[in-house]
N, C-alpha and C. Protein backbone atom coordinates (compact mmCIF):
# COMPACT_ATOMS: atom_id res chain seq x y z
N MET A 1 0.82 -1.18 0.00
CA MET A 1 0.00 0.00 0.00
C MET A 1 0.87 1.25 0.00
N GLY A 2 1.95 1.25 0.74
CA GLY A 2 2.82 2.42 0.80
C GLY A 2 3.45 2.73 -0.54
N GLN A 3 3.85 1.68 -1.26
CA GLN A 3 4.44 1.90 -2.57
C GLN A 3 3.42 2.47 -3.54
N GLN A 4 2.20 2.00 -3.47
CA GLN A 4 1.14 2.54 -4.33
C GLN A 4 0.89 4.00 -4.00
N PHE A 5 0.86 4.33 -2.71
CA PHE A 5 0.65 5.72 -2.30
C PHE A 5 1.76 6.60 -2.86
N ALA A 6 3.02 6.18 -2.68
CA ALA A 6 4.15 6.98 -3.15
C ALA A 6 4.08 7.17 -4.67
N ALA A 7 3.71 6.14 -5.39
CA ALA A 7 3.62 6.24 -6.85
C ALA A 7 2.51 7.19 -7.28
N GLN A 8 1.44 7.25 -6.51
CA GLN A 8 0.30 8.10 -6.88
C GLN A 8 0.50 9.57 -6.53
N LEU A 9 1.61 9.92 -5.87
CA LEU A 9 1.86 11.32 -5.56
C LEU A 9 2.13 12.15 -6.81
N GLY A 10 2.54 11.47 -7.87
CA GLY A 10 2.74 12.16 -9.14
C GLY A 10 4.14 12.72 -9.35
N TYR A 11 5.06 12.42 -8.42
CA TYR A 11 6.44 12.90 -8.59
C TYR A 11 7.15 12.03 -9.63
N PRO A 12 8.04 12.63 -10.41
CA PRO A 12 8.81 11.83 -11.38
C PRO A 12 9.72 10.82 -10.65
N ARG A 13 9.75 9.61 -11.14
CA ARG A 13 10.60 8.57 -10.55
C ARG A 13 12.02 8.75 -11.06
N GLN A 14 12.97 8.78 -10.13
CA GLN A 14 14.38 8.93 -10.49
C GLN A 14 15.15 7.62 -10.40
N LEU A 15 14.67 6.71 -9.56
CA LEU A 15 15.33 5.41 -9.42
C LEU A 15 14.27 4.38 -9.07
N ASN A 16 14.21 3.31 -9.86
CA ASN A 16 13.25 2.24 -9.59
C ASN A 16 13.62 1.50 -8.32
N LYS A 17 12.77 0.62 -7.90
CA LYS A 17 12.96 -0.16 -6.67
C LYS A 17 14.30 -0.88 -6.70
N THR A 18 15.17 -0.52 -5.76
CA THR A 18 16.49 -1.14 -5.66
C THR A 18 16.76 -1.47 -4.19
N PRO A 19 17.60 -2.47 -3.94
CA PRO A 19 17.90 -2.81 -2.56
C PRO A 19 18.81 -1.78 -1.90
N TRP A 20 18.66 -1.61 -0.59
CA TRP A 20 19.62 -0.85 0.20
C TRP A 20 20.19 -1.81 1.24
N LYS A 21 21.41 -1.54 1.68
CA LYS A 21 22.11 -2.50 2.53
C LYS A 21 22.48 -1.93 3.89
N TYR A 22 22.52 -2.83 4.85
CA TYR A 22 23.01 -2.54 6.19
C TYR A 22 23.88 -3.73 6.58
N ASN A 23 25.10 -3.47 7.02
CA ASN A 23 26.06 -4.54 7.35
C ASN A 23 26.24 -5.53 6.20
N LYS A 24 26.33 -5.01 5.00
CA LYS A 24 26.59 -5.80 3.78
C LYS A 24 25.48 -6.78 3.42
N GLN A 25 24.30 -6.60 4.02
CA GLN A 25 23.16 -7.45 3.69
C GLN A 25 22.00 -6.57 3.24
N ILE A 26 21.16 -7.12 2.38
CA ILE A 26 19.98 -6.37 1.93
C ILE A 26 19.07 -6.13 3.13
N ALA A 27 18.84 -4.85 3.42
CA ALA A 27 18.02 -4.48 4.58
C ALA A 27 16.61 -4.08 4.16
N GLY A 28 16.42 -3.82 2.88
CA GLY A 28 15.12 -3.40 2.38
C GLY A 28 15.26 -2.89 0.96
N PHE A 29 14.25 -2.14 0.55
CA PHE A 29 14.24 -1.61 -0.81
C PHE A 29 13.89 -0.13 -0.78
N LYS A 30 14.39 0.59 -1.78
CA LYS A 30 14.10 2.02 -1.88
C LYS A 30 13.68 2.36 -3.30
N THR A 31 12.82 3.33 -3.40
CA THR A 31 12.43 3.91 -4.68
C THR A 31 12.57 5.42 -4.53
N LEU A 32 13.32 6.04 -5.43
CA LEU A 32 13.54 7.47 -5.36
C LEU A 32 12.65 8.21 -6.35
N TYR A 33 11.95 9.19 -5.83
CA TYR A 33 11.16 10.12 -6.63
C TYR A 33 11.79 11.49 -6.45
N LYS A 34 11.46 12.42 -7.30
CA LYS A 34 11.98 13.78 -7.12
C LYS A 34 11.40 14.36 -5.84
N GLY A 35 12.24 14.53 -4.82
CA GLY A 35 11.81 15.10 -3.55
C GLY A 35 11.34 14.11 -2.51
N VAL A 36 11.21 12.82 -2.86
CA VAL A 36 10.71 11.82 -1.91
C VAL A 36 11.48 10.51 -2.12
N THR A 37 11.88 9.89 -1.02
CA THR A 37 12.46 8.55 -1.08
C THR A 37 11.55 7.63 -0.27
N PHE A 38 11.05 6.58 -0.91
CA PHE A 38 10.22 5.59 -0.24
C PHE A 38 11.09 4.39 0.07
N ILE A 39 11.17 3.98 1.35
CA ILE A 39 11.96 2.80 1.71
C ILE A 39 11.09 1.79 2.44
N THR A 40 11.51 0.54 2.34
CA THR A 40 10.93 -0.53 3.15
C THR A 40 12.06 -1.16 3.95
N ILE A 41 11.70 -1.78 5.05
CA ILE A 41 12.67 -2.52 5.85
C ILE A 41 12.25 -3.98 5.78
N ARG A 42 13.11 -4.75 5.18
CA ARG A 42 12.82 -6.15 4.86
C ARG A 42 12.49 -6.97 6.11
N GLY A 43 11.38 -7.68 6.03
CA GLY A 43 10.99 -8.59 7.09
C GLY A 43 10.43 -7.94 8.34
N ALA A 44 10.08 -6.65 8.26
CA ALA A 44 9.67 -5.95 9.47
C ALA A 44 8.19 -5.59 9.51
N GLY A 45 7.58 -5.32 8.39
CA GLY A 45 6.20 -4.87 8.41
C GLY A 45 6.05 -3.60 9.23
N HIS A 46 4.96 -3.48 9.96
CA HIS A 46 4.74 -2.27 10.76
C HIS A 46 5.48 -2.33 12.09
N MET A 47 6.18 -3.42 12.37
CA MET A 47 6.91 -3.57 13.63
C MET A 47 8.41 -3.36 13.45
N ALA A 48 8.80 -2.54 12.50
CA ALA A 48 10.21 -2.34 12.19
C ALA A 48 11.07 -1.99 13.41
N PRO A 49 10.65 -1.06 14.28
CA PRO A 49 11.51 -0.75 15.43
C PRO A 49 11.73 -1.92 16.37
N GLN A 50 10.80 -2.84 16.45
CA GLN A 50 10.94 -3.99 17.34
C GLN A 50 11.69 -5.14 16.67
N TRP A 51 11.31 -5.47 15.43
CA TRP A 51 11.86 -6.65 14.79
C TRP A 51 13.14 -6.40 14.01
N ARG A 52 13.36 -5.18 13.58
CA ARG A 52 14.56 -4.84 12.80
C ARG A 52 15.15 -3.52 13.32
N ALA A 53 15.43 -3.50 14.63
CA ALA A 53 15.88 -2.27 15.28
C ALA A 53 17.16 -1.68 14.66
N PRO A 54 18.22 -2.44 14.41
CA PRO A 54 19.43 -1.83 13.85
C PRO A 54 19.19 -1.19 12.48
N GLU A 55 18.43 -1.88 11.63
CA GLU A 55 18.15 -1.34 10.29
C GLU A 55 17.29 -0.08 10.38
N THR A 56 16.32 -0.10 11.30
CA THR A 56 15.45 1.06 11.49
C THR A 56 16.25 2.25 12.00
N LYS A 57 17.11 2.02 12.98
CA LYS A 57 17.95 3.09 13.52
C LYS A 57 18.83 3.68 12.42
N TYR A 58 19.44 2.82 11.61
CA TYR A 58 20.29 3.29 10.52
C TYR A 58 19.51 4.17 9.55
N ALA A 59 18.33 3.72 9.15
CA ALA A 59 17.51 4.48 8.20
C ALA A 59 17.15 5.85 8.78
N ILE A 60 16.77 5.88 10.04
CA ILE A 60 16.41 7.16 10.68
C ILE A 60 17.62 8.07 10.79
N GLN A 61 18.77 7.51 11.16
CA GLN A 61 19.99 8.32 11.25
C GLN A 61 20.35 8.93 9.90
N GLN A 62 20.23 8.14 8.84
CA GLN A 62 20.54 8.67 7.51
C GLN A 62 19.60 9.81 7.15
N PHE A 63 18.34 9.68 7.52
CA PHE A 63 17.36 10.73 7.26
C PHE A 63 17.71 12.01 8.03
N VAL A 64 18.01 11.86 9.32
CA VAL A 64 18.28 13.01 10.18
C VAL A 64 19.51 13.80 9.70
N ILE A 65 20.56 13.10 9.28
CA ILE A 65 21.76 13.80 8.82
C ILE A 65 21.73 14.12 7.32
N ASN A 66 20.57 13.85 6.70
CA ASN A 66 20.33 14.18 5.29
C ASN A 66 21.29 13.47 4.34
N HIS A 67 21.57 12.20 4.64
CA HIS A 67 22.38 11.37 3.76
C HIS A 67 21.48 10.38 3.04
N PRO A 68 21.82 10.04 1.81
CA PRO A 68 21.01 9.04 1.10
C PRO A 68 21.19 7.66 1.73
N ILE A 69 20.15 6.88 1.62
CA ILE A 69 20.21 5.52 2.16
C ILE A 69 20.63 4.57 1.06
């Protein structure tokens, strides 16, 4: 549902769905739009902070310091 929502915003897509990594392993997927990055955390669902805490922390840190994931 989140991917559908992001696609319906109407922003031009700059990068199709590609994996992002944490500790040299695929941690999820990202899709880049102009002005918006949609990410997922693999295997976490809505419980990302509980089930995938290190990956979630990394993603939030990258956002806060304005670095790409």
